[in-house]
Amino acid sequence: MPKKAIGFDAARKIGRTLPDVEESTAYGSPALKVHGKLFACIAINKAAEPNSLMVRIPFEDRDALINDRSRIATR
């Protein structure tokens, strides 16, 4: 059974509970920023999966998440 998708409004509501997060836009799309730096937004890249959320994290954290996901998928 597919999981129910949530929209950017849910991400906005969660994000606004974090310190120093402000609502803004990035490339014309709704976004959340911390001290003016992009934190999360609706993914607008042509290669992005439709209706996906972009969350900015350091490369080493991203790599660790991908590796963890790969290990789970191979079980």
N, C-alpha and C. Protein backbone atom coordinates (compact mmCIF):
# COMPACT_ATOMS: atom_id res chain seq x y z
N MET A 1 0.84 -1.17 0.00
CA MET A 1 0.00 0.00 0.00
C MET A 1 0.89 1.24 0.00
N PRO A 2 0.67 2.19 -0.95
CA PRO A 2 1.49 3.39 -1.00
C PRO A 2 1.25 4.28 0.22
N LYS A 3 2.32 4.94 0.64
CA LYS A 3 2.20 5.88 1.76
C LYS A 3 1.52 7.14 1.28
N LYS A 4 0.79 7.78 2.15
CA LYS A 4 0.12 9.03 1.81
C LYS A 4 1.15 10.15 1.73
N ALA A 5 1.15 10.89 0.66
CA ALA A 5 2.09 12.00 0.47
C ALA A 5 1.63 13.21 1.28
N ILE A 6 2.60 13.97 1.74
CA ILE A 6 2.28 15.23 2.39
C ILE A 6 2.84 16.36 1.54
N GLY A 7 2.29 17.52 1.66
CA GLY A 7 2.73 18.64 0.84
C GLY A 7 3.73 19.54 1.56
N PHE A 8 4.13 20.60 0.86
CA PHE A 8 5.10 21.52 1.42
C PHE A 8 4.54 22.23 2.65
N ASP A 9 3.23 22.37 2.75
CA ASP A 9 2.64 22.99 3.94
C ASP A 9 3.02 22.24 5.21
N ALA A 10 3.07 20.92 5.14
CA ALA A 10 3.48 20.13 6.31
C ALA A 10 4.95 20.37 6.63
N ALA A 11 5.79 20.42 5.59
CA ALA A 11 7.22 20.70 5.81
C ALA A 11 7.39 22.11 6.39
N ARG A 12 6.61 23.05 5.89
CA ARG A 12 6.67 24.42 6.39
C ARG A 12 6.29 24.46 7.87
N LYS A 13 5.23 23.75 8.23
CA LYS A 13 4.76 23.74 9.62
C LYS A 13 5.83 23.16 10.55
N ILE A 14 6.46 22.08 10.13
CA ILE A 14 7.52 21.46 10.94
C ILE A 14 8.74 22.38 10.99
N GLY A 15 9.14 22.89 9.83
CA GLY A 15 10.31 23.75 9.75
C GLY A 15 10.20 25.00 10.60
N ARG A 16 9.01 25.58 10.65
CA ARG A 16 8.82 26.82 11.43
C ARG A 16 8.97 26.59 12.92
N THR A 17 8.96 25.34 13.38
CA THR A 17 9.15 25.08 14.81
C THR A 17 10.64 25.09 15.18
N LEU A 18 11.52 25.06 14.17
CA LEU A 18 12.96 25.06 14.41
C LEU A 18 13.47 26.49 14.60
N PRO A 19 14.54 26.67 15.39
CA PRO A 19 15.05 28.02 15.64
C PRO A 19 15.57 28.70 14.36
N ASP A 20 15.25 29.98 14.23
CA ASP A 20 15.77 30.85 13.17
C ASP A 20 15.32 30.50 11.76
N VAL A 21 14.33 29.63 11.61
CA VAL A 21 13.83 29.28 10.27
C VAL A 21 12.83 30.34 9.83
N GLU A 22 13.00 30.80 8.60
CA GLU A 22 12.10 31.80 8.03
C GLU A 22 11.57 31.31 6.69
N GLU A 23 10.35 31.71 6.37
CA GLU A 23 9.76 31.36 5.08
C GLU A 23 10.29 32.32 4.03
N SER A 24 10.55 31.79 2.84
CA SER A 24 11.09 32.60 1.76
C SER A 24 10.78 31.90 0.44
N THR A 25 11.53 32.24 -0.59
CA THR A 25 11.44 31.56 -1.88
C THR A 25 12.85 31.27 -2.39
N ALA A 26 12.95 30.29 -3.24
CA ALA A 26 14.19 29.97 -3.93
C ALA A 26 13.83 29.64 -5.37
N TYR A 27 14.34 30.43 -6.29
CA TYR A 27 14.04 30.24 -7.71
C TYR A 27 12.53 30.22 -7.97
N GLY A 28 11.80 31.06 -7.24
CA GLY A 28 10.36 31.18 -7.42
C GLY A 28 9.54 30.12 -6.73
N SER A 29 10.17 29.25 -5.98
CA SER A 29 9.49 28.16 -5.29
C SER A 29 9.50 28.41 -3.79
N PRO A 30 8.45 28.01 -3.06
CA PRO A 30 8.45 28.18 -1.61
C PRO A 30 9.66 27.51 -0.98
N ALA A 31 10.24 28.17 0.02
CA ALA A 31 11.45 27.65 0.64
C ALA A 31 11.51 28.02 2.11
N LEU A 32 12.35 27.31 2.85
CA LEU A 32 12.66 27.62 4.23
C LEU A 32 14.15 27.94 4.30
N LYS A 33 14.48 29.01 5.02
CA LYS A 33 15.87 29.42 5.13
C LYS A 33 16.24 29.66 6.59
N VAL A 34 17.52 29.51 6.88
CA VAL A 34 18.06 29.82 8.20
C VAL A 34 19.13 30.89 8.00
N HIS A 35 18.93 32.05 8.61
CA HIS A 35 19.86 33.18 8.44
C HIS A 35 20.12 33.47 6.96
N GLY A 36 19.06 33.37 6.14
CA GLY A 36 19.17 33.68 4.73
C GLY A 36 19.72 32.56 3.86
N LYS A 37 20.12 31.45 4.45
CA LYS A 37 20.66 30.33 3.68
C LYS A 37 19.60 29.25 3.49
N LEU A 38 19.49 28.74 2.28
CA LEU A 38 18.49 27.74 1.94
C LEU A 38 18.63 26.50 2.82
N PHE A 39 17.51 26.06 3.36
CA PHE A 39 17.46 24.89 4.23
C PHE A 39 16.62 23.79 3.58
N ALA A 40 15.45 24.16 3.04
CA ALA A 40 14.56 23.19 2.40
C ALA A 40 13.65 23.92 1.41
N CYS A 41 13.31 23.23 0.34
CA CYS A 41 12.39 23.81 -0.64
C CYS A 41 11.80 22.69 -1.49
N ILE A 42 10.81 23.05 -2.28
CA ILE A 42 10.26 22.10 -3.23
C ILE A 42 11.32 21.90 -4.32
N ALA A 43 11.66 20.67 -4.60
CA ALA A 43 12.69 20.38 -5.60
C ALA A 43 12.21 20.83 -6.98
N ILE A 44 13.00 21.66 -7.65
CA ILE A 44 12.58 22.18 -8.95
C ILE A 44 13.49 21.73 -10.09
N ASN A 45 14.57 21.03 -9.77
CA ASN A 45 15.47 20.54 -10.80
C ASN A 45 14.72 19.58 -11.71
N LYS A 46 14.99 19.66 -13.00
CA LYS A 46 14.29 18.79 -13.96
C LYS A 46 14.49 17.31 -13.66
N ALA A 47 15.63 16.96 -13.04
CA ALA A 47 15.92 15.56 -12.73
C ALA A 47 15.27 15.10 -11.42
N ALA A 48 14.72 16.03 -10.65
CA ALA A 48 14.12 15.68 -9.35
C ALA A 48 12.80 14.96 -9.55
N GLU A 49 12.52 14.06 -8.63
CA GLU A 49 11.24 13.36 -8.66
C GLU A 49 10.13 14.37 -8.41
N PRO A 50 9.03 14.31 -9.16
CA PRO A 50 7.94 15.27 -8.97
C PRO A 50 7.44 15.28 -7.53
N ASN A 51 7.10 16.44 -7.05
CA ASN A 51 6.54 16.64 -5.70
C ASN A 51 7.49 16.20 -4.59
N SER A 52 8.80 16.31 -4.83
CA SER A 52 9.76 15.93 -3.80
C SER A 52 10.27 17.17 -3.06
N LEU A 53 10.84 16.92 -1.91
CA LEU A 53 11.36 17.98 -1.06
C LEU A 53 12.88 17.94 -1.09
N MET A 54 13.50 19.10 -1.29
CA MET A 54 14.95 19.22 -1.24
C MET A 54 15.32 19.71 0.16
N VAL A 55 16.21 18.99 0.83
CA VAL A 55 16.70 19.40 2.14
C VAL A 55 18.21 19.47 2.05
N ARG A 56 18.76 20.61 2.43
CA ARG A 56 20.21 20.82 2.34
C ARG A 56 20.91 20.19 3.53
N ILE A 57 21.86 19.29 3.23
CA ILE A 57 22.67 18.67 4.28
C ILE A 57 24.11 18.56 3.76
N PRO A 58 25.08 18.43 4.65
CA PRO A 58 26.47 18.25 4.20
C PRO A 58 26.62 16.96 3.39
N PHE A 59 27.56 16.95 2.43
CA PHE A 59 27.78 15.79 1.58
C PHE A 59 28.07 14.53 2.38
N GLU A 60 28.88 14.63 3.44
CA GLU A 60 29.20 13.42 4.20
C GLU A 60 27.96 12.84 4.88
N ASP A 61 27.03 13.68 5.32
CA ASP A 61 25.78 13.19 5.90
C ASP A 61 24.91 12.53 4.83
N ARG A 62 24.88 13.15 3.65
CA ARG A 62 24.12 12.58 2.54
C ARG A 62 24.66 11.21 2.17
N ASP A 63 25.97 11.11 2.06
CA ASP A 63 26.59 9.83 1.71
C ASP A 63 26.28 8.76 2.75
N ALA A 64 26.31 9.14 4.03
CA ALA A 64 25.99 8.19 5.10
C ALA A 64 24.54 7.72 4.99
N LEU A 65 23.62 8.63 4.69
CA LEU A 65 22.21 8.25 4.54
C LEU A 65 22.02 7.32 3.35
N ILE A 66 22.70 7.60 2.25
CA ILE A 66 22.60 6.74 1.07
C ILE A 66 23.15 5.35 1.39
N ASN A 67 24.28 5.29 2.09
CA ASN A 67 24.86 3.99 2.46
C ASN A 67 23.94 3.22 3.38
N ASP A 68 23.34 3.90 4.36
CA ASP A 68 22.40 3.24 5.26
C ASP A 68 21.21 2.69 4.48
N ARG A 69 20.70 3.47 3.55
CA ARG A 69 19.55 3.06 2.75
C ARG A 69 19.91 1.85 1.89
N SER A 70 21.13 1.85 1.33
CA SER A 70 21.58 0.73 0.51
C SER A 70 21.66 -0.55 1.33
N ARG A 71 22.16 -0.44 2.55
CA ARG A 71 22.26 -1.63 3.41
C ARG A 71 20.88 -2.19 3.74
N ILE A 72 19.93 -1.32 3.95
CA ILE A 72 18.56 -1.76 4.28
C ILE A 72 17.95 -2.46 3.07
N ALA A 73 18.18 -1.91 1.86
CA ALA A 73 17.58 -2.46 0.65
C ALA A 73 18.15 -3.85 0.31
N THR A 74 19.37 -4.14 0.75
CA THR A 74 19.99 -5.42 0.39
C THR A 74 19.70 -6.52 1.41
N ARG A 75 18.97 -6.24 2.43
CA ARG A 75 18.64 -7.27 3.44
C ARG A 75 17.62 -8.24 2.94
